[in-house]
Amino acid sequence: MSMPSPLSIPMSIPMSMSTPTASAGFDWPDPTHLRDHCRQCAFALGPLHRVQCAAESLHAFLTPRFVTLLTTVTVLLLAGLSLPV
């Protein structure tokens, strides 16, 4: 007995899923909130957005290496202080 191809099986979508109605429990978004949403997106992508992204990238890079970074800075400072002037 061979299995039918998944593409040959007819699929039916229940009516409650194909067209959203109030009786199906689906609420359409309120179009009056579009201006507020666009203003919020423009503010989020403002001039400080790139600075924030760079700071997050630097933080993500340095956080796992904190002990190594602290040790390296300490060794370099001690080596610099011990040099004769």
PDB file of N, CA and C in Angstrom:
ATOM      1  N   MET A   1       0.840  -1.172   0.000  1.00  0.00           N
ATOM      2  CA  MET A   1       0.000   0.000   0.000  1.00  0.00           C
ATOM      3  C   MET A   1       0.889   1.239   0.000  1.00  0.00           C
ATOM      4  N   SER A   2       0.732   2.086  -0.993  1.00  0.00           N
ATOM      5  CA  SER A   2       1.569   3.276  -1.098  1.00  0.00           C
ATOM      6  C   SER A   2       0.856   4.470  -0.459  1.00  0.00           C
ATOM      7  N   MET A   3       1.695   5.352   0.081  1.00  0.00           N
ATOM      8  CA  MET A   3       1.165   6.555   0.722  1.00  0.00           C
ATOM      9  C   MET A   3       0.962   7.635  -0.335  1.00  0.00           C
ATOM     10  N   PRO A   4      -0.111   8.402  -0.229  1.00  0.00           N
ATOM     11  CA  PRO A   4      -0.313   9.480  -1.203  1.00  0.00           C
ATOM     12  C   PRO A   4       0.671  10.613  -0.941  1.00  0.00           C
ATOM     13  N   SER A   5       0.961  11.332  -1.983  1.00  0.00           N
ATOM     14  CA  SER A   5       1.856  12.477  -1.869  1.00  0.00           C
ATOM     15  C   SER A   5       1.192  13.559  -1.016  1.00  0.00           C
ATOM     16  N   PRO A   6       1.957  14.268  -0.170  1.00  0.00           N
ATOM     17  CA  PRO A   6       1.351  15.322   0.637  1.00  0.00           C
ATOM     18  C   PRO A   6       0.716  16.426  -0.208  1.00  0.00           C
ATOM     19  N   LEU A   7       1.199  16.589  -1.445  1.00  0.00           N
ATOM     20  CA  LEU A   7       0.630  17.621  -2.299  1.00  0.00           C
ATOM     21  C   LEU A   7      -0.698  17.200  -2.909  1.00  0.00           C
ATOM     22  N   SER A   8      -0.970  15.906  -2.932  1.00  0.00           N
ATOM     23  CA  SER A   8      -2.212  15.445  -3.550  1.00  0.00           C
ATOM     24  C   SER A   8      -3.356  15.356  -2.551  1.00  0.00           C
ATOM     25  N   ILE A   9      -3.076  15.561  -1.267  1.00  0.00           N
ATOM     26  CA  ILE A   9      -4.128  15.504  -0.259  1.00  0.00           C
ATOM     27  C   ILE A   9      -4.835  16.850  -0.224  1.00  0.00           C
ATOM     28  N   PRO A  10      -6.153  16.875  -0.474  1.00  0.00           N
ATOM     29  CA  PRO A  10      -6.858  18.154  -0.429  1.00  0.00           C
ATOM     30  C   PRO A  10      -6.933  18.649   1.018  1.00  0.00           C
ATOM     31  N   MET A  11      -6.677  19.935   1.179  1.00  0.00           N
ATOM     32  CA  MET A  11      -6.734  20.516   2.517  1.00  0.00           C
ATOM     33  C   MET A  11      -7.906  21.475   2.597  1.00  0.00           C
ATOM     34  N   SER A  12      -8.668  21.339   3.636  1.00  0.00           N
ATOM     35  CA  SER A  12      -9.774  22.272   3.827  1.00  0.00           C
ATOM     36  C   SER A  12      -9.515  23.087   5.086  1.00  0.00           C
ATOM     37  N   ILE A  13      -9.805  24.354   5.001  1.00  0.00           N
ATOM     38  CA  ILE A  13      -9.618  25.264   6.129  1.00  0.00           C
ATOM     39  C   ILE A  13     -10.992  25.539   6.722  1.00  0.00           C
ATOM     40  N   PRO A  14     -11.125  25.343   8.027  1.00  0.00           N
ATOM     41  CA  PRO A  14     -12.418  25.650   8.632  1.00  0.00           C
ATOM     42  C   PRO A  14     -12.790  27.110   8.400  1.00  0.00           C
ATOM     43  N   MET A  15     -14.073  27.373   8.253  1.00  0.00           N
ATOM     44  CA  MET A  15     -14.547  28.717   7.958  1.00  0.00           C
ATOM     45  C   MET A  15     -14.140  29.705   9.053  1.00  0.00           C
ATOM     46  N   SER A  16     -14.085  29.253  10.298  1.00  0.00           N
ATOM     47  CA  SER A  16     -13.744  30.163  11.387  1.00  0.00           C
ATOM     48  C   SER A  16     -12.293  30.606  11.318  1.00  0.00           C
ATOM     49  N   MET A  17     -11.431  29.848  10.611  1.00  0.00           N
ATOM     50  CA  MET A  17     -10.023  30.226  10.497  1.00  0.00           C
ATOM     51  C   MET A  17      -9.747  31.006   9.216  1.00  0.00           C
ATOM     52  N   SER A  18     -10.577  30.832   8.189  1.00  0.00           N
ATOM     53  CA  SER A  18     -10.293  31.479   6.913  1.00  0.00           C
ATOM     54  C   SER A  18     -10.720  32.940   6.902  1.00  0.00           C
ATOM     55  N   THR A  19     -11.795  33.290   7.564  1.00  0.00           N
ATOM     56  CA  THR A  19     -12.228  34.679   7.623  1.00  0.00           C
ATOM     57  C   THR A  19     -12.433  35.071   9.070  1.00  0.00           C
ATOM     58  N   PRO A  20     -11.593  35.943   9.586  1.00  0.00           N
ATOM     59  CA  PRO A  20     -11.737  36.327  10.982  1.00  0.00           C
ATOM     60  C   PRO A  20     -12.994  37.167  11.194  1.00  0.00           C
ATOM     61  N   THR A  21     -13.734  36.803  12.182  1.00  0.00           N
ATOM     62  CA  THR A  21     -14.941  37.545  12.540  1.00  0.00           C
ATOM     63  C   THR A  21     -14.930  37.793  14.030  1.00  0.00           C
ATOM     64  N   ALA A  22     -15.799  38.646  14.467  1.00  0.00           N
ATOM     65  CA  ALA A  22     -15.885  38.935  15.898  1.00  0.00           C
ATOM     66  C   ALA A  22     -16.316  37.696  16.674  1.00  0.00           C
ATOM     67  N   SER A  23     -17.114  36.847  16.043  1.00  0.00           N
ATOM     68  CA  SER A  23     -17.577  35.654  16.749  1.00  0.00           C
ATOM     69  C   SER A  23     -16.463  34.624  16.888  1.00  0.00           C
ATOM     70  N   ALA A  24     -15.421  34.713  16.041  1.00  0.00           N
ATOM     71  CA  ALA A  24     -14.312  33.768  16.127  1.00  0.00           C
ATOM     72  C   ALA A  24     -13.299  34.215  17.179  1.00  0.00           C
ATOM     73  N   GLY A  25     -13.508  35.370  17.797  1.00  0.00           N
ATOM     74  CA  GLY A  25     -12.609  35.837  18.838  1.00  0.00           C
ATOM     75  C   GLY A  25     -11.411  36.592  18.313  1.00  0.00           C
ATOM     76  N   PHE A  26     -11.454  37.043  17.070  1.00  0.00           N
ATOM     77  CA  PHE A  26     -10.331  37.771  16.476  1.00  0.00           C
ATOM     78  C   PHE A  26     -10.653  39.247  16.487  1.00  0.00           C
ATOM     79  N   ASP A  27      -9.759  40.055  17.047  1.00  0.00           N
ATOM     80  CA  ASP A  27      -9.947  41.501  17.063  1.00  0.00           C
ATOM     81  C   ASP A  27      -8.998  42.132  16.055  1.00  0.00           C
ATOM     82  N   TRP A  28      -9.547  42.890  15.131  1.00  0.00           N
ATOM     83  CA  TRP A  28      -8.722  43.596  14.165  1.00  0.00           C
ATOM     84  C   TRP A  28      -7.999  44.733  14.866  1.00  0.00           C
ATOM     85  N   PRO A  29      -6.762  45.065  14.449  1.00  0.00           N
ATOM     86  CA  PRO A  29      -6.046  46.178  15.077  1.00  0.00           C
ATOM     87  C   PRO A  29      -6.761  47.496  14.821  1.00  0.00           C
ATOM     88  N   ASP A  30      -6.656  48.397  15.768  1.00  0.00           N
ATOM     89  CA  ASP A  30      -7.302  49.694  15.673  1.00  0.00           C
ATOM     90  C   ASP A  30      -6.455  50.616  14.797  1.00  0.00           C
ATOM     91  N   PRO A  31      -6.981  51.098  13.669  1.00  0.00           N
ATOM     92  CA  PRO A  31      -6.165  51.926  12.766  1.00  0.00           C
ATOM     93  C   PRO A  31      -5.795  53.280  13.366  1.00  0.00           C
ATOM     94  N   THR A  32      -6.469  53.715  14.416  1.00  0.00           N
ATOM     95  CA  THR A  32      -6.140  55.004  15.020  1.00  0.00           C
ATOM     96  C   THR A  32      -4.823  54.945  15.781  1.00  0.00           C
ATOM     97  N   HIS A  33      -4.338  53.763  16.100  1.00  0.00           N
ATOM     98  CA  HIS A  33      -3.073  53.615  16.812  1.00  0.00           C
ATOM     99  C   HIS A  33      -1.869  53.585  15.872  1.00  0.00           C
ATOM    100  N   LEU A  34      -2.120  53.664  14.562  1.00  0.00           N
ATOM    101  CA  LEU A  34      -1.028  53.596  13.596  1.00  0.00           C
ATOM    102  C   LEU A  34      -0.063  54.775  13.749  1.00  0.00           C
ATOM    103  N   ARG A  35      -0.590  55.987  13.955  1.00  0.00           N
ATOM    104  CA  ARG A  35       0.266  57.156  14.102  1.00  0.00           C
ATOM    105  C   ARG A  35       1.168  57.016  15.328  1.00  0.00           C
ATOM    106  N   ASP A  36       0.607  56.537  16.440  1.00  0.00           N
ATOM    107  CA  ASP A  36       1.408  56.336  17.648  1.00  0.00           C
ATOM    108  C   ASP A  36       2.484  55.279  17.428  1.00  0.00           C
ATOM    109  N   HIS A  37       2.117  54.218  16.724  1.00  0.00           N
ATOM    110  CA  HIS A  37       3.073  53.147  16.449  1.00  0.00           C
ATOM    111  C   HIS A  37       4.223  53.652  15.570  1.00  0.00           C
ATOM    112  N   CYS A  38       3.898  54.402  14.522  1.00  0.00           N
ATOM    113  CA  CYS A  38       4.935  54.935  13.631  1.00  0.00           C
ATOM    114  C   CYS A  38       5.840  55.918  14.371  1.00  0.00           C
ATOM    115  N   ARG A  39       5.262  56.733  15.248  1.00  0.00           N
ATOM    116  CA  ARG A  39       6.065  57.675  16.031  1.00  0.00           C
ATOM    117  C   ARG A  39       7.014  56.918  16.963  1.00  0.00           C
ATOM    118  N   GLN A  40       6.522  55.847  17.564  1.00  0.00           N
ATOM    119  CA  GLN A  40       7.358  55.041  18.457  1.00  0.00           C
ATOM    120  C   GLN A  40       8.492  54.365  17.682  1.00  0.00           C
ATOM    121  N   CYS A  41       8.207  53.866  16.492  1.00  0.00           N
ATOM    122  CA  CYS A  41       9.251  53.230  15.673  1.00  0.00           C
ATOM    123  C   CYS A  41      10.294  54.261  15.236  1.00  0.00           C
ATOM    124  N   ALA A  42       9.853  55.453  14.856  1.00  0.00           N
ATOM    125  CA  ALA A  42      10.795  56.499  14.447  1.00  0.00           C
ATOM    126  C   ALA A  42      11.672  56.904  15.623  1.00  0.00           C
ATOM    127  N   PHE A  43      11.105  56.973  16.807  1.00  0.00           N
ATOM    128  CA  PHE A  43      11.892  57.320  17.989  1.00  0.00           C
ATOM    129  C   PHE A  43      12.889  56.215  18.316  1.00  0.00           C
ATOM    130  N   ALA A  44      12.457  54.960  18.182  1.00  0.00           N
ATOM    131  CA  ALA A  44      13.335  53.827  18.495  1.00  0.00           C
ATOM    132  C   ALA A  44      14.515  53.756  17.529  1.00  0.00           C
ATOM    133  N   LEU A  45      14.329  54.207  16.304  1.00  0.00           N
ATOM    134  CA  LEU A  45      15.408  54.185  15.314  1.00  0.00           C
ATOM    135  C   LEU A  45      16.035  55.558  15.144  1.00  0.00           C
ATOM    136  N   GLY A  46      16.003  56.351  16.193  1.00  0.00           N
ATOM    137  CA  GLY A  46      16.541  57.706  16.165  1.00  0.00           C
ATOM    138  C   GLY A  46      18.063  57.719  16.112  1.00  0.00           C
ATOM    139  N   PRO A  47      18.655  58.894  16.338  1.00  0.00           N
ATOM    140  CA  PRO A  47      20.102  59.039  16.185  1.00  0.00           C
ATOM    141  C   PRO A  47      20.915  58.229  17.192  1.00  0.00           C
ATOM    142  N   LEU A  48      20.358  57.941  18.339  1.00  0.00           N
ATOM    143  CA  LEU A  48      21.107  57.179  19.330  1.00  0.00           C
ATOM    144  C   LEU A  48      20.966  55.663  19.142  1.00  0.00           C
ATOM    145  N   HIS A  49      20.201  55.254  18.159  1.00  0.00           N
ATOM    146  CA  HIS A  49      19.998  53.811  17.933  1.00  0.00           C
ATOM    147  C   HIS A  49      21.310  53.127  17.560  1.00  0.00           C
ATOM    148  N   ARG A  50      22.105  53.756  16.706  1.00  0.00           N
ATOM    149  CA  ARG A  50      23.391  53.156  16.304  1.00  0.00           C
ATOM    150  C   ARG A  50      24.352  53.087  17.478  1.00  0.00           C
ATOM    151  N   VAL A  51      24.337  54.121  18.309  1.00  0.00           N
ATOM    152  CA  VAL A  51      25.203  54.124  19.489  1.00  0.00           C
ATOM    153  C   VAL A  51      24.800  52.986  20.429  1.00  0.00           C
ATOM    154  N   GLN A  52      23.490  52.814  20.605  1.00  0.00           N
ATOM    155  CA  GLN A  52      22.998  51.739  21.463  1.00  0.00           C
ATOM    156  C   GLN A  52      23.382  50.371  20.897  1.00  0.00           C
ATOM    157  N   CYS A  53      23.262  50.194  19.597  1.00  0.00           N
ATOM    158  CA  CYS A  53      23.632  48.915  18.974  1.00  0.00           C
ATOM    159  C   CYS A  53      25.127  48.640  19.147  1.00  0.00           C
ATOM    160  N   ALA A  54      25.945  49.682  18.982  1.00  0.00           N
ATOM    161  CA  ALA A  54      27.396  49.505  19.152  1.00  0.00           C
ATOM    162  C   ALA A  54      27.724  49.152  20.597  1.00  0.00           C
ATOM    163  N   ALA A  55      27.065  49.824  21.553  1.00  0.00           N
ATOM    164  CA  ALA A  55      27.307  49.532  22.968  1.00  0.00           C
ATOM    165  C   ALA A  55      26.875  48.110  23.315  1.00  0.00           C
ATOM    166  N   GLU A  56      25.755  47.662  22.763  1.00  0.00           N
ATOM    167  CA  GLU A  56      25.287  46.298  23.018  1.00  0.00           C
ATOM    168  C   GLU A  56      26.249  45.277  22.418  1.00  0.00           C
ATOM    169  N   SER A  57      26.780  45.563  21.231  1.00  0.00           N
ATOM    170  CA  SER A  57      27.738  44.646  20.607  1.00  0.00           C
ATOM    171  C   SER A  57      29.024  44.563  21.418  1.00  0.00           C
ATOM    172  N   LEU A  58      29.513  45.715  21.870  1.00  0.00           N
ATOM    173  CA  LEU A  58      30.722  45.738  22.684  1.00  0.00           C
ATOM    174  C   LEU A  58      30.504  45.009  24.008  1.00  0.00           C
ATOM    175  N   HIS A  59      29.351  45.231  24.602  1.00  0.00           N
ATOM    176  CA  HIS A  59      29.017  44.547  25.860  1.00  0.00           C
ATOM    177  C   HIS A  59      28.951  43.031  25.651  1.00  0.00           C
ATOM    178  N   ALA A  60      28.311  42.612  24.562  1.00  0.00           N
ATOM    179  CA  ALA A  60      28.201  41.174  24.285  1.00  0.00           C
ATOM    180  C   ALA A  60      29.563  40.548  24.027  1.00  0.00           C
ATOM    181  N   PHE A  61      30.488  41.317  23.469  1.00  0.00           N
ATOM    182  CA  PHE A  61      31.822  40.802  23.198  1.00  0.00           C
ATOM    183  C   PHE A  61      32.678  40.746  24.461  1.00  0.00           C
ATOM    184  N   LEU A  62      32.601  41.793  25.299  1.00  0.00           N
ATOM    185  CA  LEU A  62      33.493  41.881  26.460  1.00  0.00           C
ATOM    186  C   LEU A  62      32.999  41.128  27.699  1.00  0.00           C
ATOM    187  N   THR A  63      31.709  40.955  27.855  1.00  0.00           N
ATOM    188  CA  THR A  63      31.176  40.327  29.065  1.00  0.00           C
ATOM    189  C   THR A  63      31.744  38.933  29.316  1.00  0.00           C
ATOM    190  N   PRO A  64      31.793  38.039  28.343  1.00  0.00           N
ATOM    191  CA  PRO A  64      32.355  36.710  28.632  1.00  0.00           C
ATOM    192  C   PRO A  64      33.864  36.747  28.886  1.00  0.00           C
ATOM    193  N   ARG A  65      34.504  37.839  28.491  1.00  0.00           N
ATOM    194  CA  ARG A  65      35.959  37.942  28.632  1.00  0.00           C
ATOM    195  C   ARG A  65      36.355  38.914  29.739  1.00  0.00           C
ATOM    196  N   PHE A  66      35.469  39.169  30.688  1.00  0.00           N
ATOM    197  CA  PHE A  66      35.704  40.185  31.707  1.00  0.00           C
ATOM    198  C   PHE A  66      36.938  39.892  32.549  1.00  0.00           C
ATOM    199  N   VAL A  67      37.085  38.675  33.021  1.00  0.00           N
ATOM    200  CA  VAL A  67      38.221  38.325  33.876  1.00  0.00           C
ATOM    201  C   VAL A  67      39.523  38.450  33.092  1.00  0.00           C
ATOM    202  N   THR A  68      39.535  37.982  31.874  1.00  0.00           N
ATOM    203  CA  THR A  68      40.732  38.079  31.037  1.00  0.00           C
ATOM    204  C   THR A  68      41.072  39.547  30.778  1.00  0.00           C
ATOM    205  N   LEU A  69      40.072  40.345  30.467  1.00  0.00           N
ATOM    206  CA  LEU A  69      40.291  41.766  30.218  1.00  0.00           C
ATOM    207  C   LEU A  69      40.839  42.456  31.473  1.00  0.00           C
ATOM    208  N   LEU A  70      40.263  42.171  32.621  1.00  0.00           N
ATOM    209  CA  LEU A  70      40.717  42.773  33.875  1.00  0.00           C
ATOM    210  C   LEU A  70      42.157  42.365  34.193  1.00  0.00           C
ATOM    211  N   THR A  71      42.480  41.099  33.987  1.00  0.00           N
ATOM    212  CA  THR A  71      43.836  40.611  34.226  1.00  0.00           C
ATOM    213  C   THR A  71      44.826  41.273  33.270  1.00  0.00           C
ATOM    214  N   THR A  72      44.476  41.390  32.014  1.00  0.00           N
ATOM    215  CA  THR A  72      45.362  42.000  31.021  1.00  0.00           C
ATOM    216  C   THR A  72      45.622  43.468  31.343  1.00  0.00           C
ATOM    217  N   VAL A  73      44.578  44.204  31.691  1.00  0.00           N
ATOM    218  CA  VAL A  73      44.741  45.620  32.030  1.00  0.00           C
ATOM    219  C   VAL A  73      45.616  45.768  33.272  1.00  0.00           C
ATOM    220  N   THR A  74      45.411  44.915  34.263  1.00  0.00           N
ATOM    221  CA  THR A  74      46.211  44.977  35.487  1.00  0.00           C
ATOM    222  C   THR A  74      47.683  44.694  35.199  1.00  0.00           C
ATOM    223  N   VAL A  75      47.964  43.674  34.417  1.00  0.00           N
ATOM    224  CA  VAL A  75      49.344  43.333  34.078  1.00  0.00           C
ATOM    225  C   VAL A  75      49.998  44.473  33.298  1.00  0.00           C
ATOM    226  N   LEU A  76      49.287  45.062  32.354  1.00  0.00           N
ATOM    227  CA  LEU A  76      49.847  46.161  31.577  1.00  0.00           C
ATOM    228  C   LEU A  76      50.101  47.389  32.446  1.00  0.00           C
ATOM    229  N   LEU A  77      49.207  47.677  33.375  1.00  0.00           N
ATOM    230  CA  LEU A  77      49.418  48.806  34.270  1.00  0.00           C
ATOM    231  C   LEU A  77      50.629  48.567  35.191  1.00  0.00           C
ATOM    232  N   LEU A  78      50.719  47.377  35.721  1.00  0.00           N
ATOM    233  CA  LEU A  78      51.864  47.067  36.588  1.00  0.00           C
ATOM    234  C   LEU A  78      53.174  47.096  35.816  1.00  0.00           C
ATOM    235  N   ALA A  79      53.138  46.622  34.593  1.00  0.00           N
ATOM    236  CA  ALA A  79      54.356  46.647  33.761  1.00  0.00           C
ATOM    237  C   ALA A  79      54.716  48.088  33.422  1.00  0.00           C
ATOM    238  N   GLY A  80      53.739  48.913  33.172  1.00  0.00           N
ATOM    239  CA  GLY A  80      53.990  50.319  32.852  1.00  0.00           C
ATOM    240  C   GLY A  80      54.522  51.093  34.058  1.00  0.00           C
ATOM    241  N   LEU A  81      54.070  50.753  35.243  1.00  0.00           N
ATOM    242  CA  LEU A  81      54.538  51.435  36.447  1.00  0.00           C
ATOM    243  C   LEU A  81      55.933  51.005  36.847  1.00  0.00           C
ATOM    244  N   SER A  82      56.329  49.810  36.448  1.00  0.00           N
ATOM    245  CA  SER A  82      57.646  49.315  36.840  1.00  0.00           C
ATOM    246  C   SER A  82      58.750  49.733  35.870  1.00  0.00           C
ATOM    247  N   LEU A  83      58.404  50.374  34.777  1.00  0.00           N
ATOM    248  CA  LEU A  83      59.421  50.819  33.814  1.00  0.00           C
ATOM    249  C   LEU A  83      60.193  52.007  34.400  1.00  0.00           C
ATOM    250  N   PRO A  84      61.499  52.017  34.207  1.00  0.00           N
ATOM    251  CA  PRO A  84      62.269  53.168  34.691  1.00  0.00           C
ATOM    252  C   PRO A  84      62.032  54.388  33.833  1.00  0.00           C
ATOM    253  N   VAL A  85      61.968  55.518  34.453  1.00  0.00           N
ATOM    254  CA  VAL A  85      61.698  56.764  33.737  1.00  0.00           C
ATOM    255  C   VAL A  85      62.977  57.491  33.437  1.00  0.00           C
TER     256      VAL A  85
END
